[in-house]
C-alpha atoms as a PDB file:
ATOM      1  CA  MET A   1     -15.588 -27.224 -84.141  1.00  0.00           C
ATOM      2  CA  ASN A   2     -18.701 -28.861 -87.442  1.00  0.00           C
ATOM      3  CA  ALA A   3     -17.660 -32.794 -87.109  1.00  0.00           C
ATOM      4  CA  ILE A   4     -18.034 -33.172 -83.392  1.00  0.00           C
ATOM      5  CA  LEU A   5     -21.276 -31.197 -83.374  1.00  0.00           C
ATOM      6  CA  ASP A   6     -22.813 -33.946 -86.880  1.00  0.00           C
ATOM      7  CA  GLN A   7     -21.556 -36.635 -83.891  1.00  0.00           C
ATOM      8  CA  ALA A   8     -23.382 -34.865 -80.758  1.00  0.00           C
ATOM      9  CA  THR A   9     -26.725 -35.170 -84.179  1.00  0.00           C
ATOM     10  CA  MET A  10     -26.015 -38.689 -84.731  1.00  0.00           C
ATOM     11  CA  HIS A  11     -26.571 -39.692 -80.964  1.00  0.00           C
ATOM     12  CA  TRP A  12     -28.552 -37.065 -79.688  1.00  0.00           C
ATOM     13  CA  ALA A  13     -32.177 -39.444 -79.946  1.00  0.00           C
ATOM     14  CA  TYR A  14     -30.059 -41.425 -77.241  1.00  0.00           C
ATOM     15  CA  ILE A  15     -28.439 -39.317 -74.951  1.00  0.00           C
ATOM     16  CA  ALA A  16     -31.008 -36.587 -75.116  1.00  0.00           C
ATOM     17  CA  PRO A  17     -33.765 -38.275 -72.876  1.00  0.00           C
ATOM     18  CA  LEU A  18     -30.955 -38.565 -70.131  1.00  0.00           C
ATOM     19  CA  LEU A  19     -30.398 -35.352 -69.836  1.00  0.00           C
ATOM     20  CA  THR A  20     -34.192 -33.974 -69.322  1.00  0.00           C
ATOM     21  CA  GLU A  21     -35.788 -33.171 -66.695  1.00  0.00           C
ATOM     22  CA  PRO A  22     -38.344 -36.439 -65.396  1.00  0.00           C
ATOM     23  CA  GLU A  23     -42.112 -35.908 -65.499  1.00  0.00           C
ATOM     24  CA  SER A  24     -42.789 -38.510 -63.739  1.00  0.00           C
ATOM     25  CA  GLU A  25     -41.913 -41.183 -60.981  1.00  0.00           C
ATOM     26  CA  ALA A  26     -41.369 -43.526 -63.704  1.00  0.00           C
ATOM     27  CA  GLU A  27     -38.898 -41.825 -66.054  1.00  0.00           C
ATOM     28  CA  TYR A  28     -36.988 -40.620 -62.472  1.00  0.00           C
ATOM     29  CA  ASP A  29     -36.488 -44.531 -61.756  1.00  0.00           C
ATOM     30  CA  ALA A  30     -34.864 -45.067 -64.748  1.00  0.00           C
ATOM     31  CA  LYS A  31     -32.489 -42.231 -64.078  1.00  0.00           C
ATOM     32  CA  VAL A  32     -31.816 -43.354 -61.495  1.00  0.00           C
ATOM     33  CA  GLU A  33     -31.085 -46.577 -63.577  1.00  0.00           C
ATOM     34  CA  ALA A  34     -29.025 -44.768 -65.522  1.00  0.00           C
ATOM     35  CA  LEU A  35     -26.872 -43.235 -62.907  1.00  0.00           C
ATOM     36  CA  ASP A  36     -26.819 -46.572 -60.463  1.00  0.00           C
ATOM     37  CA  GLU A  37     -25.065 -48.075 -64.248  1.00  0.00           C
ATOM     38  CA  LEU A  38     -23.135 -44.887 -64.758  1.00  0.00           C
ATOM     39  CA  LEU A  39     -21.302 -45.496 -61.576  1.00  0.00           C
ATOM     40  CA  ASP A  40     -20.751 -48.363 -62.105  1.00  0.00           C
ATOM     41  CA  MET A  41     -19.061 -48.324 -65.612  1.00  0.00           C
ATOM     42  CA  ALA A  42     -17.145 -45.568 -64.323  1.00  0.00           C
ATOM     43  CA  GLY A  43     -16.045 -45.679 -60.230  1.00  0.00           C
ATOM     44  CA  ASP A  44     -14.293 -43.467 -59.357  1.00  0.00           C
ATOM     45  CA  ASP A  45     -12.764 -42.492 -62.160  1.00  0.00           C
ATOM     46  CA  GLU A  46     -13.393 -38.990 -63.280  1.00  0.00           C
ATOM     47  CA  ASN A  47     -11.729 -39.074 -66.353  1.00  0.00           C
ATOM     48  CA  HIS A  48     -13.410 -42.155 -67.668  1.00  0.00           C
ATOM     49  CA  PRO A  49     -15.389 -40.515 -70.578  1.00  0.00           C
ATOM     50  CA  LEU A  50     -18.969 -40.788 -69.020  1.00  0.00           C
ATOM     51  CA  ALA A  51     -17.984 -38.951 -66.296  1.00  0.00           C
ATOM     52  CA  GLY A  52     -19.415 -35.571 -67.429  1.00  0.00           C
ATOM     53  CA  LEU A  53     -23.503 -37.749 -68.125  1.00  0.00           C
ATOM     54  CA  ALA A  54     -23.093 -38.994 -64.708  1.00  0.00           C
ATOM     55  CA  ALA A  55     -22.273 -36.118 -63.049  1.00  0.00           C
ATOM     56  CA  ARG A  56     -24.813 -34.170 -65.224  1.00  0.00           C
ATOM     57  CA  LEU A  57     -28.161 -36.691 -64.412  1.00  0.00           C
ATOM     58  CA  GLY A  58     -27.039 -36.658 -60.661  1.00  0.00           C
ATOM     59  CA  ASP A  59     -27.966 -32.714 -61.011  1.00  0.00           C
ATOM     60  CA  ILE A  60     -31.315 -33.550 -62.331  1.00  0.00           C
ATOM     61  CA  ILE A  61     -31.779 -35.981 -60.120  1.00  0.00           C
ATOM     62  CA  GLU A  62     -31.051 -33.899 -57.016  1.00  0.00           C
ATOM     63  CA  ALA A  63     -32.978 -31.744 -58.704  1.00  0.00           C
ATOM     64  CA  TYR A  64     -36.372 -32.929 -58.789  1.00  0.00           C
ATOM     65  CA  ASP A  65     -35.131 -35.089 -55.195  1.00  0.00           C
ATOM     66  CA  GLU A  66     -35.283 -31.233 -53.789  1.00  0.00           C
ATOM     67  CA  GLU A  67     -38.288 -30.217 -55.897  1.00  0.00           C
ATOM     68  CA  HIS A  68     -40.785 -33.822 -55.120  1.00  0.00           C
ATOM     69  CA  ARG A  69     -39.260 -35.052 -52.040  1.00  0.00           C
ATOM     70  CA  PRO A  70     -38.145 -32.641 -50.073  1.00  0.00           C
ATOM     71  CA  MET A  71     -36.535 -33.511 -46.020  1.00  0.00           C
ATOM     72  CA  PRO A  72     -38.517 -33.087 -43.806  1.00  0.00           C
ATOM     73  CA  ASP A  73     -37.526 -30.731 -41.218  1.00  0.00           C
ATOM     74  CA  ALA A  74     -36.466 -32.794 -38.486  1.00  0.00           C
ATOM     75  CA  SER A  75     -33.807 -31.655 -35.786  1.00  0.00           C
ATOM     76  CA  SER A  76     -30.669 -33.559 -35.214  1.00  0.00           C
ATOM     77  CA  VAL A  77     -31.540 -36.146 -32.519  1.00  0.00           C
ATOM     78  CA  ASP A  78     -34.835 -37.704 -34.975  1.00  0.00           C
ATOM     79  CA  VAL A  79     -32.467 -38.484 -37.346  1.00  0.00           C
ATOM     80  CA  LEU A  80     -30.631 -39.902 -34.528  1.00  0.00           C
ATOM     81  CA  ARG A  81     -34.013 -42.398 -33.069  1.00  0.00           C
ATOM     82  CA  TYR A  82     -34.872 -42.609 -36.445  1.00  0.00           C
ATOM     83  CA  LEU A  83     -31.368 -44.606 -37.976  1.00  0.00           C
ATOM     84  CA  MET A  84     -31.242 -45.364 -34.889  1.00  0.00           C
ATOM     85  CA  GLU A  85     -34.426 -47.931 -35.027  1.00  0.00           C
ATOM     86  CA  GLU A  86     -33.951 -48.754 -38.606  1.00  0.00           C
ATOM     87  CA  HIS A  87     -30.515 -50.145 -37.947  1.00  0.00           C
ATOM     88  CA  GLY A  88     -31.364 -51.793 -35.139  1.00  0.00           C
ATOM     89  CA  VAL A  89     -28.993 -50.123 -32.576  1.00  0.00           C
ATOM     90  CA  THR A  90     -29.544 -49.628 -29.163  1.00  0.00           C
ATOM     91  CA  GLN A  91     -27.314 -46.458 -27.096  1.00  0.00           C
ATOM     92  CA  SER A  92     -24.148 -48.795 -25.934  1.00  0.00           C
ATOM     93  CA  ASN A  93     -23.707 -49.601 -28.993  1.00  0.00           C
ATOM     94  CA  LEU A  94     -22.836 -46.229 -30.865  1.00  0.00           C
ATOM     95  CA  PRO A  95     -19.464 -45.755 -30.165  1.00  0.00           C
ATOM     96  CA  GLU A  96     -19.442 -42.554 -33.264  1.00  0.00           C
ATOM     97  CA  VAL A  97     -21.478 -40.376 -29.776  1.00  0.00           C
ATOM     98  CA  GLY A  98     -19.148 -41.639 -26.566  1.00  0.00           C
ATOM     99  CA  ALA A  99     -20.604 -43.899 -23.646  1.00  0.00           C
ATOM    100  CA  GLN A 100     -24.303 -44.793 -23.642  1.00  0.00           C
ATOM    101  CA  PRO A 101     -24.717 -41.625 -20.847  1.00  0.00           C
ATOM    102  CA  VAL A 102     -23.741 -39.578 -23.475  1.00  0.00           C
ATOM    103  CA  VAL A 103     -26.215 -41.161 -26.056  1.00  0.00           C
ATOM    104  CA  SER A 104     -29.205 -40.692 -23.365  1.00  0.00           C
ATOM    105  CA  ALA A 105     -28.060 -36.726 -22.723  1.00  0.00           C
ATOM    106  CA  ILE A 106     -28.010 -35.876 -26.750  1.00  0.00           C
ATOM    107  CA  LEU A 107     -31.521 -37.974 -26.847  1.00  0.00           C
ATOM    108  CA  ALA A 108     -32.699 -35.623 -24.270  1.00  0.00           C
ATOM    109  CA  GLY A 109     -32.031 -32.551 -26.204  1.00  0.00           C
ATOM    110  CA  LYS A 110     -29.932 -32.073 -22.827  1.00  0.00           C
ATOM    111  CA  ARG A 111     -26.413 -32.416 -25.222  1.00  0.00           C
ATOM    112  CA  SER A 112     -25.968 -31.901 -28.967  1.00  0.00           C
ATOM    113  CA  LEU A 113     -24.176 -33.133 -31.533  1.00  0.00           C
ATOM    114  CA  ASN A 114     -20.793 -31.850 -32.000  1.00  0.00           C
ATOM    115  CA  TRP A 115     -19.332 -32.234 -35.427  1.00  0.00           C
ATOM    116  CA  ARG A 116     -16.375 -35.000 -34.881  1.00  0.00           C
ATOM    117  CA  GLN A 117     -20.423 -37.224 -33.843  1.00  0.00           C
ATOM    118  CA  ILE A 118     -21.435 -35.973 -36.607  1.00  0.00           C
ATOM    119  CA  CYS A 119     -18.955 -37.044 -39.489  1.00  0.00           C
ATOM    120  CA  GLY A 120     -19.428 -39.985 -37.531  1.00  0.00           C
ATOM    121  CA  LEU A 121     -22.814 -41.311 -37.571  1.00  0.00           C
ATOM    122  CA  SER A 122     -22.975 -40.084 -41.135  1.00  0.00           C
ATOM    123  CA  GLU A 123     -19.591 -42.458 -41.837  1.00  0.00           C
ATOM    124  CA  ARG A 124     -21.994 -45.502 -40.078  1.00  0.00           C
ATOM    125  CA  PHE A 125     -25.155 -44.631 -41.511  1.00  0.00           C
ATOM    126  CA  GLY A 126     -23.682 -43.616 -45.107  1.00  0.00           C
ATOM    127  CA  VAL A 127     -25.511 -40.216 -44.591  1.00  0.00           C
ATOM    128  CA  PRO A 128     -25.370 -37.275 -45.722  1.00  0.00           C
ATOM    129  CA  THR A 129     -23.399 -34.939 -42.717  1.00  0.00           C
ATOM    130  CA  ASP A 130     -26.343 -31.930 -43.421  1.00  0.00           C
ATOM    131  CA  ALA A 131     -28.890 -34.977 -42.520  1.00  0.00           C
ATOM    132  CA  PHE A 132     -28.361 -34.139 -38.765  1.00  0.00           C
ATOM    133  CA  LYS A 133     -27.809 -30.175 -39.158  1.00  0.00           C
ATOM    134  CA  GLY A 134     -31.745 -29.279 -38.687  1.00  0.00           C
ATOM    135  CA  ARG A 135     -33.816 -28.151 -36.693  1.00  0.00           C
ATOM    136  CA  ALA A 136     -32.880 -27.666 -32.528  1.00  0.00           C
ATOM    137  CA  ALA A 137     -34.079 -30.526 -30.820  1.00  0.00           C
ATOM    138  CA  GLY A 138     -37.146 -28.766 -28.767  1.00  0.00           C
END
């Protein structure tokens, strides 16, 4: 075990800054950039030597986000409207939800998104399914 501690001691000054909680937006941004680089290096290889570091750094970034950038309490309809506007999508261009009348009914609050629709929207827009789990519309 001493050999492991010796190596950790030798490299700790370089690794420790990655493992501390960010205290400013600049530190946060640096950690996000470091995570992006780690993910570029490790890819999807969970056995990559840096995969554990990437996971821990992701946890630190997520904790900062939850504390400093909480998700607003938005309904699934609000989220859908926002994503449609951001991506320039019309009611007729959402096959993940259904035909235009179905989309219209959802946006009017007459219908709710089902799990299949949520999964499709999540994949299309690259957002977590939880983005659609906010408060009820209305």
